[in-house]
PDB file of N, CA and C in Angstrom:
ATOM      1  N   MET A   1       7.075  13.719   4.339  1.00  0.00           N
ATOM      2  CA  MET A   1       7.650  12.474   3.171  1.00  0.00           C
ATOM      3  C   MET A   1       8.402  13.420   1.842  1.00  0.00           C
ATOM      4  N   SER A   2       9.519  13.235   1.535  1.00  0.00           N
ATOM      5  CA  SER A   2      10.135  13.210   0.045  1.00  0.00           C
ATOM      6  C   SER A   2       8.998  12.630  -0.956  1.00  0.00           C
ATOM      7  N   ASP A   3       9.388  13.413  -2.223  1.00  0.00           N
ATOM      8  CA  ASP A   3       8.909  12.626  -3.482  1.00  0.00           C
ATOM      9  C   ASP A   3       9.144  11.281  -3.666  1.00  0.00           C
ATOM     10  N   ILE A   4       8.334  10.462  -3.204  1.00  0.00           N
ATOM     11  CA  ILE A   4       8.841   9.045  -3.989  1.00  0.00           C
ATOM     12  C   ILE A   4       8.293   8.745  -5.231  1.00  0.00           C
ATOM     13  N   TYR A   5       9.132   7.970  -5.955  1.00  0.00           N
ATOM     14  CA  TYR A   5       8.712   8.119  -7.105  1.00  0.00           C
ATOM     15  C   TYR A   5       8.709   6.202  -7.275  1.00  0.00           C
ATOM     16  N   VAL A   6       7.238   5.368  -7.592  1.00  0.00           N
ATOM     17  CA  VAL A   6       7.079   4.297  -8.051  1.00  0.00           C
ATOM     18  C   VAL A   6       7.333   3.816  -9.191  1.00  0.00           C
ATOM     19  N   VAL A   7       7.002   2.698  -9.869  1.00  0.00           N
ATOM     20  CA  VAL A   7       6.946   2.104 -11.092  1.00  0.00           C
ATOM     21  C   VAL A   7       6.035   1.075 -10.793  1.00  0.00           C
ATOM     22  N   LYS A   8       4.885   1.818 -12.197  1.00  0.00           N
ATOM     23  CA  LYS A   8       4.367   1.200 -12.531  1.00  0.00           C
ATOM     24  C   LYS A   8       4.362  -0.291 -13.174  1.00  0.00           C
ATOM     25  N   ALA A   9       3.383  -1.111 -13.473  1.00  0.00           N
ATOM     26  CA  ALA A   9       3.570  -2.753 -14.316  1.00  0.00           C
ATOM     27  C   ALA A   9       3.615  -2.218 -15.852  1.00  0.00           C
ATOM     28  N   SER A  10       3.336  -1.044 -16.264  1.00  0.00           N
ATOM     29  CA  SER A  10       3.611  -0.566 -17.459  1.00  0.00           C
ATOM     30  C   SER A  10       5.085  -0.171 -17.497  1.00  0.00           C
ATOM     31  N   GLY A  11       5.921   0.373 -16.704  1.00  0.00           N
ATOM     32  CA  GLY A  11       6.869   0.562 -16.337  1.00  0.00           C
ATOM     33  C   GLY A  11       6.990   2.369 -16.457  1.00  0.00           C
ATOM     34  N   ASP A  12       5.675   2.933 -16.447  1.00  0.00           N
ATOM     35  CA  ASP A  12       6.120   4.209 -16.259  1.00  0.00           C
ATOM     36  C   ASP A  12       6.119   4.624 -14.657  1.00  0.00           C
ATOM     37  N   ARG A  13       7.045   5.592 -14.365  1.00  0.00           N
ATOM     38  CA  ARG A  13       7.473   6.333 -13.023  1.00  0.00           C
ATOM     39  C   ARG A  13       6.165   7.229 -12.850  1.00  0.00           C
ATOM     40  N   VAL A  14       5.312   6.835 -11.912  1.00  0.00           N
ATOM     41  CA  VAL A  14       4.739   7.968 -10.811  1.00  0.00           C
ATOM     42  C   VAL A  14       4.840   8.217  -9.856  1.00  0.00           C
ATOM     43  N   LEU A  15       4.238   9.785  -9.290  1.00  0.00           N
ATOM     44  CA  LEU A  15       4.839   9.780  -8.017  1.00  0.00           C
ATOM     45  C   LEU A  15       3.614   9.244  -6.749  1.00  0.00           C
ATOM     46  N   PHE A  16       4.418   8.618  -6.173  1.00  0.00           N
ATOM     47  CA  PHE A  16       3.774   7.436  -4.956  1.00  0.00           C
ATOM     48  C   PHE A  16       2.432   8.636  -4.546  1.00  0.00           C
ATOM     49  N   ASN A  17       1.284   7.992  -4.007  1.00  0.00           N
ATOM     50  CA  ASN A  17       0.133   8.659  -4.355  1.00  0.00           C
ATOM     51  C   ASN A  17      -0.455   8.070  -3.232  1.00  0.00           C
ATOM     52  N   PRO A  18      -0.457   8.408  -1.891  1.00  0.00           N
ATOM     53  CA  PRO A  18      -0.954   7.551  -0.384  1.00  0.00           C
ATOM     54  C   PRO A  18      -2.481   7.015  -0.921  1.00  0.00           C
ATOM     55  N   ASP A  19      -3.354   7.879  -1.506  1.00  0.00           N
ATOM     56  CA  ASP A  19      -4.818   7.962  -1.414  1.00  0.00           C
ATOM     57  C   ASP A  19      -5.241   6.982  -2.135  1.00  0.00           C
ATOM     58  N   LYS A  20      -4.648   6.369  -3.039  1.00  0.00           N
ATOM     59  CA  LYS A  20      -4.703   4.945  -3.599  1.00  0.00           C
ATOM     60  C   LYS A  20      -4.677   3.623  -3.125  1.00  0.00           C
ATOM     61  N   LEU A  21      -3.566   3.666  -2.212  1.00  0.00           N
ATOM     62  CA  LEU A  21      -3.528   3.017  -1.359  1.00  0.00           C
ATOM     63  C   LEU A  21      -4.696   2.589  -0.262  1.00  0.00           C
ATOM     64  N   ILE A  22      -4.955   4.135   0.260  1.00  0.00           N
ATOM     65  CA  ILE A  22      -6.078   4.235   1.193  1.00  0.00           C
ATOM     66  C   ILE A  22      -7.195   3.314   0.375  1.00  0.00           C
ATOM     67  N   GLN A  23      -7.476   4.077  -0.824  1.00  0.00           N
ATOM     68  CA  GLN A  23      -8.972   3.773  -1.463  1.00  0.00           C
ATOM     69  C   GLN A  23      -8.880   2.239  -1.522  1.00  0.00           C
ATOM     70  N   SER A  24      -8.261   1.284  -1.656  1.00  0.00           N
ATOM     71  CA  SER A  24      -7.696   0.378  -2.086  1.00  0.00           C
ATOM     72  C   SER A  24      -8.121  -0.609  -0.802  1.00  0.00           C
ATOM     73  N   LEU A  25      -7.817  -0.410   0.614  1.00  0.00           N
ATOM     74  CA  LEU A  25      -7.412  -0.887   1.622  1.00  0.00           C
ATOM     75  C   LEU A  25      -8.880  -0.811   1.443  1.00  0.00           C
ATOM     76  N   ASP A  26      -9.591   0.827   1.611  1.00  0.00           N
ATOM     77  CA  ASP A  26     -11.124   1.299   2.203  1.00  0.00           C
ATOM     78  C   ASP A  26     -11.926   0.440   1.156  1.00  0.00           C
ATOM     79  N   ARG A  27     -11.754  -0.049  -0.053  1.00  0.00           N
ATOM     80  CA  ARG A  27     -12.876  -1.090  -0.754  1.00  0.00           C
ATOM     81  C   ARG A  27     -12.785  -2.272  -0.272  1.00  0.00           C
ATOM     82  N   ALA A  28     -11.594  -2.541   0.157  1.00  0.00           N
ATOM     83  CA  ALA A  28     -11.142  -4.332   0.855  1.00  0.00           C
ATOM     84  C   ALA A  28     -12.299  -4.193   2.070  1.00  0.00           C
ATOM     85  N   GLY A  29     -12.536  -3.371   2.964  1.00  0.00           N
ATOM     86  CA  GLY A  29     -13.825  -3.169   4.261  1.00  0.00           C
ATOM     87  C   GLY A  29     -12.488  -2.980   5.438  1.00  0.00           C
ATOM     88  N   ALA A  30     -11.149  -2.794   4.530  1.00  0.00           N
ATOM     89  CA  ALA A  30     -10.029  -2.298   6.207  1.00  0.00           C
ATOM     90  C   ALA A  30     -10.862  -0.897   7.112  1.00  0.00           C
ATOM     91  N   GLY A  31     -10.450  -1.060   8.271  1.00  0.00           N
ATOM     92  CA  GLY A  31     -11.237   0.297   9.164  1.00  0.00           C
ATOM     93  C   GLY A  31      -9.946   1.003   8.982  1.00  0.00           C
ATOM     94  N   GLN A  32     -10.348   2.368   9.869  1.00  0.00           N
ATOM     95  CA  GLN A  32      -9.397   3.419   9.557  1.00  0.00           C
ATOM     96  C   GLN A  32      -7.977   2.779  10.316  1.00  0.00           C
ATOM     97  N   ASP A  33      -8.330   2.203  11.615  1.00  0.00           N
ATOM     98  CA  ASP A  33      -6.659   2.189  12.534  1.00  0.00           C
ATOM     99  C   ASP A  33      -6.474   1.364  11.599  1.00  0.00           C
ATOM    100  N   ILE A  34      -6.490  -0.354  10.964  1.00  0.00           N
ATOM    101  CA  ILE A  34      -5.763  -1.044  10.039  1.00  0.00           C
ATOM    102  C   ILE A  34      -5.007  -0.040   8.979  1.00  0.00           C
ATOM    103  N   ILE A  35      -5.871   0.451   8.165  1.00  0.00           N
ATOM    104  CA  ILE A  35      -5.335   1.444   7.105  1.00  0.00           C
ATOM    105  C   ILE A  35      -4.436   2.097   7.518  1.00  0.00           C
ATOM    106  N   ALA A  36      -4.286   2.377   9.105  1.00  0.00           N
ATOM    107  CA  ALA A  36      -3.360   3.659   9.365  1.00  0.00           C
ATOM    108  C   ALA A  36      -2.123   2.766   9.375  1.00  0.00           C
ATOM    109  N   GLU A  37      -2.145   1.606  10.067  1.00  0.00           N
ATOM    110  CA  GLU A  37      -1.254   0.851  10.413  1.00  0.00           C
ATOM    111  C   GLU A  37      -0.331   0.293   9.588  1.00  0.00           C
ATOM    112  N   VAL A  38      -1.443   0.040   7.969  1.00  0.00           N
ATOM    113  CA  VAL A  38      -0.564  -0.226   7.156  1.00  0.00           C
ATOM    114  C   VAL A  38       0.028   0.825   6.724  1.00  0.00           C
ATOM    115  N   LEU A  39      -0.533   1.853   6.454  1.00  0.00           N
ATOM    116  CA  LEU A  39       0.505   3.396   5.512  1.00  0.00           C
ATOM    117  C   LEU A  39       1.796   3.692   6.015  1.00  0.00           C
ATOM    118  N   LYS A  40       1.407   3.318   7.546  1.00  0.00           N
ATOM    119  CA  LYS A  40       2.893   3.542   8.515  1.00  0.00           C
ATOM    120  C   LYS A  40       3.983   2.432   8.265  1.00  0.00           C
ATOM    121  N   THR A  41       3.938   1.302   8.283  1.00  0.00           N
ATOM    122  CA  THR A  41       4.605   0.760   7.597  1.00  0.00           C
ATOM    123  C   THR A  41       5.198   0.310   6.648  1.00  0.00           C
ATOM    124  N   ILE A  42       4.260   1.043   5.626  1.00  0.00           N
ATOM    125  CA  ILE A  42       4.530   1.181   3.957  1.00  0.00           C
ATOM    126  C   ILE A  42       4.912   2.242   4.026  1.00  0.00           C
ATOM    127  N   ASP A  43       4.921   3.469   4.557  1.00  0.00           N
ATOM    128  CA  ASP A  43       5.745   4.611   4.130  1.00  0.00           C
ATOM    129  C   ASP A  43       6.921   4.783   4.908  1.00  0.00           C
ATOM    130  N   ASN A  44       7.334   3.959   6.008  1.00  0.00           N
ATOM    131  CA  ASN A  44       8.440   3.725   6.260  1.00  0.00           C
ATOM    132  C   ASN A  44       9.681   2.543   5.301  1.00  0.00           C
ATOM    133  N   ASN A  45       9.203   1.723   4.410  1.00  0.00           N
ATOM    134  CA  ASN A  45       9.769   0.977   3.402  1.00  0.00           C
ATOM    135  C   ASN A  45       9.837   1.430   1.993  1.00  0.00           C
ATOM    136  N   LEU A  46       9.016   2.800   1.792  1.00  0.00           N
ATOM    137  CA  LEU A  46       9.492   3.250   0.780  1.00  0.00           C
ATOM    138  C   LEU A  46      10.728   3.879  -0.019  1.00  0.00           C
ATOM    139  N   TYR A  47      10.979   3.780  -1.281  1.00  0.00           N
ATOM    140  CA  TYR A  47      12.053   4.175  -1.745  1.00  0.00           C
ATOM    141  C   TYR A  47      11.829   4.325  -3.256  1.00  0.00           C
ATOM    142  N   ASN A  48      13.145   5.185  -3.819  1.00  0.00           N
ATOM    143  CA  ASN A  48      12.641   5.627  -5.453  1.00  0.00           C
ATOM    144  C   ASN A  48      12.896   4.678  -6.178  1.00  0.00           C
ATOM    145  N   GLY A  49      11.473   4.129  -7.046  1.00  0.00           N
ATOM    146  CA  GLY A  49      11.991   3.260  -7.829  1.00  0.00           C
ATOM    147  C   GLY A  49      10.971   2.042  -7.469  1.00  0.00           C
ATOM    148  N   ILE A  50      10.738   1.736  -6.266  1.00  0.00           N
ATOM    149  CA  ILE A  50       9.694   0.601  -5.669  1.00  0.00           C
ATOM    150  C   ILE A  50       8.663   0.394  -6.552  1.00  0.00           C
ATOM    151  N   THR A  51       8.221  -0.810  -6.828  1.00  0.00           N
ATOM    152  CA  THR A  51       7.614  -1.097  -7.836  1.00  0.00           C
ATOM    153  C   THR A  51       5.958  -1.010  -6.989  1.00  0.00           C
ATOM    154  N   THR A  52       4.798  -0.543  -7.912  1.00  0.00           N
ATOM    155  CA  THR A  52       3.818  -0.778  -7.229  1.00  0.00           C
ATOM    156  C   THR A  52       3.565  -2.284  -6.684  1.00  0.00           C
ATOM    157  N   LYS A  53       3.754  -3.853  -7.741  1.00  0.00           N
ATOM    158  CA  LYS A  53       3.481  -4.816  -7.066  1.00  0.00           C
ATOM    159  C   LYS A  53       3.878  -5.058  -5.639  1.00  0.00           C
ATOM    160  N   LYS A  54       5.421  -4.629  -5.585  1.00  0.00           N
ATOM    161  CA  LYS A  54       6.011  -4.649  -4.176  1.00  0.00           C
ATOM    162  C   LYS A  54       5.429  -3.743  -3.157  1.00  0.00           C
ATOM    163  N   ILE A  55       4.733  -3.356  -3.478  1.00  0.00           N
ATOM    164  CA  ILE A  55       3.698  -2.210  -2.338  1.00  0.00           C
ATOM    165  C   ILE A  55       2.671  -2.943  -2.156  1.00  0.00           C
ATOM    166  N   TYR A  56       1.810  -3.535  -3.111  1.00  0.00           N
ATOM    167  CA  TYR A  56       1.237  -4.353  -3.211  1.00  0.00           C
ATOM    168  C   TYR A  56       0.811  -5.438  -2.225  1.00  0.00           C
ATOM    169  N   ARG A  57       2.267  -6.019  -2.628  1.00  0.00           N
ATOM    170  CA  ARG A  57       2.236  -7.769  -1.518  1.00  0.00           C
ATOM    171  C   ARG A  57       2.997  -7.299   0.104  1.00  0.00           C
ATOM    172  N   GLN A  58       3.687  -5.914   0.197  1.00  0.00           N
ATOM    173  CA  GLN A  58       3.904  -5.339   1.492  1.00  0.00           C
ATOM    174  C   GLN A  58       2.486  -5.019   1.961  1.00  0.00           C
ATOM    175  N   ALA A  59       1.409  -4.576   1.698  1.00  0.00           N
ATOM    176  CA  ALA A  59       0.177  -3.978   2.164  1.00  0.00           C
ATOM    177  C   ALA A  59      -0.528  -5.119   2.110  1.00  0.00           C
ATOM    178  N   TYR A  60      -0.761  -6.118   1.605  1.00  0.00           N
ATOM    179  CA  TYR A  60      -0.977  -7.755   1.585  1.00  0.00           C
ATOM    180  C   TYR A  60      -0.517  -8.049   2.998  1.00  0.00           C
ATOM    181  N   LYS A  61       0.778  -8.289   3.113  1.00  0.00           N
ATOM    182  CA  LYS A  61       1.137  -9.032   3.929  1.00  0.00           C
ATOM    183  C   LYS A  61       0.810  -8.520   5.582  1.00  0.00           C
ATOM    184  N   ILE A  62       0.988  -7.245   5.694  1.00  0.00           N
ATOM    185  CA  ILE A  62       0.477  -6.469   7.161  1.00  0.00           C
ATOM    186  C   ILE A  62      -1.649  -6.537   7.172  1.00  0.00           C
ATOM    187  N   LEU A  63      -2.156  -6.139   6.180  1.00  0.00           N
ATOM    188  CA  LEU A  63      -3.229  -6.580   6.606  1.00  0.00           C
ATOM    189  C   LEU A  63      -3.668  -8.158   6.622  1.00  0.00           C
ATOM    190  N   ASN A  64      -3.261  -9.298   6.527  1.00  0.00           N
ATOM    191  CA  ASN A  64      -3.290 -10.619   6.728  1.00  0.00           C
ATOM    192  C   ASN A  64      -2.810 -10.735   7.825  1.00  0.00           C
ATOM    193  N   LYS A  65      -1.802 -10.080   8.459  1.00  0.00           N
ATOM    194  CA  LYS A  65      -1.276 -10.129   9.644  1.00  0.00           C
ATOM    195  C   LYS A  65      -2.610  -9.371  10.910  1.00  0.00           C
ATOM    196  N   LEU A  66      -3.061  -8.215   9.878  1.00  0.00           N
ATOM    197  CA  LEU A  66      -4.426  -7.397  11.081  1.00  0.00           C
ATOM    198  C   LEU A  66      -5.296  -8.337  10.891  1.00  0.00           C
ATOM    199  N   SER A  67      -5.856  -8.476   9.487  1.00  0.00           N
ATOM    200  CA  SER A  67      -7.065  -9.154   9.368  1.00  0.00           C
ATOM    201  C   SER A  67      -7.041  -9.888   8.069  1.00  0.00           C
ATOM    202  N   SER A  68      -6.963 -11.225   8.627  1.00  0.00           N
ATOM    203  CA  SER A  68      -7.184 -12.361   7.651  1.00  0.00           C
ATOM    204  C   SER A  68      -8.414 -11.811   6.741  1.00  0.00           C
ATOM    205  N   HIS A  69      -9.056 -11.589   6.934  1.00  0.00           N
ATOM    206  CA  HIS A  69     -11.098 -11.229   6.187  1.00  0.00           C
ATOM    207  C   HIS A  69     -10.478 -10.087   5.270  1.00  0.00           C
ATOM    208  N   HIS A  70      -9.547  -9.474   6.010  1.00  0.00           N
ATOM    209  CA  HIS A  70     -10.005  -7.991   4.610  1.00  0.00           C
ATOM    210  C   HIS A  70      -8.924  -8.674   3.554  1.00  0.00           C
ATOM    211  N   ALA A  71      -7.830  -8.987   4.200  1.00  0.00           N
ATOM    212  CA  ALA A  71      -6.926  -9.557   3.283  1.00  0.00           C
ATOM    213  C   ALA A  71      -7.313 -10.431   2.181  1.00  0.00           C
ATOM    214  N   GLY A  72      -8.001 -11.445   2.442  1.00  0.00           N
ATOM    215  CA  GLY A  72      -8.781 -12.207   1.452  1.00  0.00           C
ATOM    216  C   GLY A  72      -9.859 -11.421   0.540  1.00  0.00           C
ATOM    217  N   ARG A  73     -10.263 -10.084   1.055  1.00  0.00           N
ATOM    218  CA  ARG A  73     -10.913  -9.171  -0.242  1.00  0.00           C
ATOM    219  C   ARG A  73     -10.422  -8.135  -1.023  1.00  0.00           C
ATOM    220  N   TYR A  74      -8.757  -7.977  -0.282  1.00  0.00           N
ATOM    221  CA  TYR A  74      -8.020  -7.139  -0.828  1.00  0.00           C
ATOM    222  C   TYR A  74      -7.222  -7.762  -2.444  1.00  0.00           C
TER     223      TYR A  74
END
């Protein structure tokens, strides 16, 4: 994957760090298989300038389809 910059709520542009998404999904209790599926789908939808809010929404939708219990915690 090439370098993708995301826009934070503050307006700052930072390099996308998949570890942050992994940590948040892990804190919600999602298993490694669910985390891998969410990451795969998010990775296919990333583009320069995407907002962290949009990434969160996409992750939530995917997580809700796979495990509504974990989505509620996310």
